[in-house]
Amino acid sequence: MSITYSKLFQPTQLGTSLATLFTIVTTNAPQTLLRGGRVRLTNTSSVAVSAELDAVPNGGTAGVANQLVPTNYTVPANGWIDVDLPVMGVGDFLQGKAGTANVITVHFMAGGLFS
């Protein structure tokens, strides 16, 4: 077993439509898993803003069955929340959106790829 630590994505501002933040990919180890993943949602505006995060299984689509942060959750004004990610396998991906474009930034905080 090997563990690889790498930054899975650069800080990204969410738009108002679901967009993919990252996908678990590998070319040599089909059993690769992301474990211990954590992201931070930071609100840079002076009002609370809704956000949604979905951890979508390979071949799936975003929906209530895979929401980490439901659409009615708000990130406090000038505040943040940390979100633990579930174990994610090859082809799984993280998507997100916000109620207001370009005020919620998603940062990759922690996690390792295990294979």
C-alpha atoms as a PDB file:
ATOM      1  CA  MET A   1       0.000   0.000   0.000  1.00  0.00           C
ATOM      2  CA  SER A   2       1.221   3.465  -0.805  1.00  0.00           C
ATOM      3  CA  ILE A   3      -0.064   6.861   0.313  1.00  0.00           C
ATOM      4  CA  THR A   4       0.299   9.939  -1.863  1.00  0.00           C
ATOM      5  CA  TYR A   5      -0.289  13.428  -0.537  1.00  0.00           C
ATOM      6  CA  SER A   6      -0.909  16.056  -3.169  1.00  0.00           C
ATOM      7  CA  LYS A   7      -3.062  19.100  -3.665  1.00  0.00           C
ATOM      8  CA  LEU A   8      -6.105  17.841  -5.549  1.00  0.00           C
ATOM      9  CA  PHE A   9      -7.228  21.259  -6.782  1.00  0.00           C
ATOM     10  CA  GLN A  10      -6.421  24.951  -6.530  1.00  0.00           C
ATOM     11  CA  PRO A  11      -8.731  27.222  -4.507  1.00  0.00           C
ATOM     12  CA  THR A  12     -11.853  27.706  -6.596  1.00  0.00           C
ATOM     13  CA  GLN A  13     -14.728  30.161  -6.365  1.00  0.00           C
ATOM     14  CA  LEU A  14     -18.128  28.582  -6.798  1.00  0.00           C
ATOM     15  CA  GLY A  15     -20.598  29.728  -9.402  1.00  0.00           C
ATOM     16  CA  THR A  16     -24.361  29.350  -9.268  1.00  0.00           C
ATOM     17  CA  SER A  17     -24.398  26.102 -11.291  1.00  0.00           C
ATOM     18  CA  LEU A  18     -22.891  22.806 -10.196  1.00  0.00           C
ATOM     19  CA  ALA A  19     -19.295  22.494 -11.369  1.00  0.00           C
ATOM     20  CA  THR A  20     -16.776  19.707 -10.847  1.00  0.00           C
ATOM     21  CA  LEU A  21     -13.979  20.642  -8.439  1.00  0.00           C
ATOM     22  CA  PHE A  22     -11.943  17.434  -8.858  1.00  0.00           C
ATOM     23  CA  THR A  23     -12.167  13.806  -9.952  1.00  0.00           C
ATOM     24  CA  ILE A  24     -10.218  10.888  -8.470  1.00  0.00           C
ATOM     25  CA  VAL A  25      -8.096   9.592 -11.344  1.00  0.00           C
ATOM     26  CA  THR A  26      -5.321   7.038 -11.676  1.00  0.00           C
ATOM     27  CA  THR A  27      -3.642   5.214 -14.508  1.00  0.00           C
ATOM     28  CA  ASN A  28      -1.832   2.409 -12.684  1.00  0.00           C
ATOM     29  CA  ALA A  29      -3.791   1.582  -9.543  1.00  0.00           C
ATOM     30  CA  PRO A  30      -7.531   1.105 -10.039  1.00  0.00           C
ATOM     31  CA  GLN A  31      -7.992   0.635  -6.282  1.00  0.00           C
ATOM     32  CA  THR A  32      -6.923   4.218  -5.434  1.00  0.00           C
ATOM     33  CA  LEU A  33      -9.035   5.870  -2.702  1.00  0.00           C
ATOM     34  CA  LEU A  34      -9.140   9.373  -1.245  1.00  0.00           C
ATOM     35  CA  ARG A  35      -9.293   9.050   2.539  1.00  0.00           C
ATOM     36  CA  GLY A  36      -9.356  11.736   5.207  1.00  0.00           C
ATOM     37  CA  GLY A  37     -10.356  14.421   2.710  1.00  0.00           C
ATOM     38  CA  ARG A  38     -11.424  17.827   3.959  1.00  0.00           C
ATOM     39  CA  VAL A  39     -12.361  21.050   2.190  1.00  0.00           C
ATOM     40  CA  ARG A  40     -13.100  24.545   3.513  1.00  0.00           C
ATOM     41  CA  LEU A  41     -15.865  26.775   2.176  1.00  0.00           C
ATOM     42  CA  THR A  42     -14.972  30.424   2.801  1.00  0.00           C
ATOM     43  CA  ASN A  43     -17.526  33.203   2.360  1.00  0.00           C
ATOM     44  CA  THR A  44     -15.889  36.529   1.505  1.00  0.00           C
ATOM     45  CA  SER A  45     -19.131  38.518   1.418  1.00  0.00           C
ATOM     46  CA  SER A  46     -20.880  40.465   4.181  1.00  0.00           C
ATOM     47  CA  VAL A  47     -24.038  38.317   3.982  1.00  0.00           C
ATOM     48  CA  ALA A  48     -24.670  34.613   4.527  1.00  0.00           C
ATOM     49  CA  VAL A  49     -24.618  32.662   1.240  1.00  0.00           C
ATOM     50  CA  SER A  50     -26.030  29.221   0.497  1.00  0.00           C
ATOM     51  CA  ALA A  51     -23.706  26.513  -0.791  1.00  0.00           C
ATOM     52  CA  GLU A  52     -23.968  22.925  -1.977  1.00  0.00           C
ATOM     53  CA  LEU A  53     -21.327  20.185  -2.190  1.00  0.00           C
ATOM     54  CA  ASP A  54     -21.925  16.750  -3.692  1.00  0.00           C
ATOM     55  CA  ALA A  55     -19.568  13.748  -3.532  1.00  0.00           C
ATOM     56  CA  VAL A  56     -20.723  11.903  -6.645  1.00  0.00           C
ATOM     57  CA  PRO A  57     -19.931   8.230  -7.287  1.00  0.00           C
ATOM     58  CA  ASN A  58     -18.316   7.186 -10.568  1.00  0.00           C
ATOM     59  CA  GLY A  59     -20.964   7.323 -13.297  1.00  0.00           C
ATOM     60  CA  GLY A  60     -23.490   9.066 -11.024  1.00  0.00           C
ATOM     61  CA  THR A  61     -25.041  12.493 -10.912  1.00  0.00           C
ATOM     62  CA  ALA A  62     -25.328  15.061  -8.124  1.00  0.00           C
ATOM     63  CA  GLY A  63     -28.441  14.753  -5.997  1.00  0.00           C
ATOM     64  CA  VAL A  64     -29.793  14.446  -2.483  1.00  0.00           C
ATOM     65  CA  ALA A  65     -28.335  10.943  -2.093  1.00  0.00           C
ATOM     66  CA  ASN A  66     -24.766  12.270  -2.287  1.00  0.00           C
ATOM     67  CA  GLN A  67     -24.972  15.815  -0.882  1.00  0.00           C
ATOM     68  CA  LEU A  68     -22.360  16.681   1.740  1.00  0.00           C
ATOM     69  CA  VAL A  69     -23.693  20.215   2.158  1.00  0.00           C
ATOM     70  CA  PRO A  70     -27.380  20.518   1.218  1.00  0.00           C
ATOM     71  CA  THR A  71     -28.581  23.374  -0.972  1.00  0.00           C
ATOM     72  CA  ASN A  72     -30.306  25.203   1.891  1.00  0.00           C
ATOM     73  CA  TYR A  73     -27.159  25.399   4.077  1.00  0.00           C
ATOM     74  CA  THR A  74     -25.620  28.852   4.407  1.00  0.00           C
ATOM     75  CA  VAL A  75     -22.012  29.776   5.037  1.00  0.00           C
ATOM     76  CA  PRO A  76     -21.941  32.691   7.513  1.00  0.00           C
ATOM     77  CA  ALA A  77     -21.001  36.184   6.358  1.00  0.00           C
ATOM     78  CA  ASN A  78     -17.207  36.547   6.357  1.00  0.00           C
ATOM     79  CA  GLY A  79     -17.006  33.026   7.770  1.00  0.00           C
ATOM     80  CA  TRP A  80     -16.200  29.470   6.786  1.00  0.00           C
ATOM     81  CA  ILE A  81     -17.127  25.838   7.317  1.00  0.00           C
ATOM     82  CA  ASP A  82     -14.957  22.761   7.047  1.00  0.00           C
ATOM     83  CA  VAL A  83     -16.453  19.708   5.350  1.00  0.00           C
ATOM     84  CA  ASP A  84     -15.117  16.167   5.744  1.00  0.00           C
ATOM     85  CA  LEU A  85     -15.280  14.193   2.510  1.00  0.00           C
ATOM     86  CA  PRO A  86     -16.355  10.563   2.384  1.00  0.00           C
ATOM     87  CA  VAL A  87     -13.978   7.907   1.079  1.00  0.00           C
ATOM     88  CA  MET A  88     -13.895   8.452  -2.675  1.00  0.00           C
ATOM     89  CA  GLY A  89     -12.754   5.945  -5.318  1.00  0.00           C
ATOM     90  CA  VAL A  90     -11.545   6.178  -8.886  1.00  0.00           C
ATOM     91  CA  GLY A  91     -13.978   8.119 -11.037  1.00  0.00           C
ATOM     92  CA  ASP A  92     -15.762   9.682  -8.066  1.00  0.00           C
ATOM     93  CA  PHE A  93     -15.901  13.478  -8.170  1.00  0.00           C
ATOM     94  CA  LEU A  94     -16.733  16.509  -6.040  1.00  0.00           C
ATOM     95  CA  GLN A  95     -19.124  19.163  -7.328  1.00  0.00           C
ATOM     96  CA  GLY A  96     -20.230  22.441  -5.816  1.00  0.00           C
ATOM     97  CA  LYS A  97     -22.282  25.584  -6.314  1.00  0.00           C
ATOM     98  CA  ALA A  98     -23.304  28.671  -4.354  1.00  0.00           C
ATOM     99  CA  GLY A  99     -26.376  30.895  -4.128  1.00  0.00           C
ATOM    100  CA  THR A 100     -24.251  33.862  -5.209  1.00  0.00           C
ATOM    101  CA  ALA A 101     -21.418  33.552  -7.717  1.00  0.00           C
ATOM    102  CA  ASN A 102     -17.797  34.275  -6.810  1.00  0.00           C
ATOM    103  CA  VAL A 103     -18.139  34.763  -3.039  1.00  0.00           C
ATOM    104  CA  ILE A 104     -17.665  31.179  -1.772  1.00  0.00           C
ATOM    105  CA  THR A 105     -14.138  29.832  -2.217  1.00  0.00           C
ATOM    106  CA  VAL A 106     -13.417  26.100  -1.839  1.00  0.00           C
ATOM    107  CA  HIS A 107      -9.971  25.120  -0.527  1.00  0.00           C
ATOM    108  CA  PHE A 108      -8.555  21.594  -0.378  1.00  0.00           C
ATOM    109  CA  MET A 109      -7.364  21.259   3.227  1.00  0.00           C
ATOM    110  CA  ALA A 110      -6.337  17.640   3.773  1.00  0.00           C
ATOM    111  CA  GLY A 111      -6.486  14.077   2.540  1.00  0.00           C
ATOM    112  CA  GLY A 112      -4.374  11.337   1.035  1.00  0.00           C
ATOM    113  CA  LEU A 113      -4.650   9.045  -1.961  1.00  0.00           C
ATOM    114  CA  PHE A 114      -4.238   5.412  -0.897  1.00  0.00           C
ATOM    115  CA  SER A 115      -3.424   2.660  -3.370  1.00  0.00           C
END
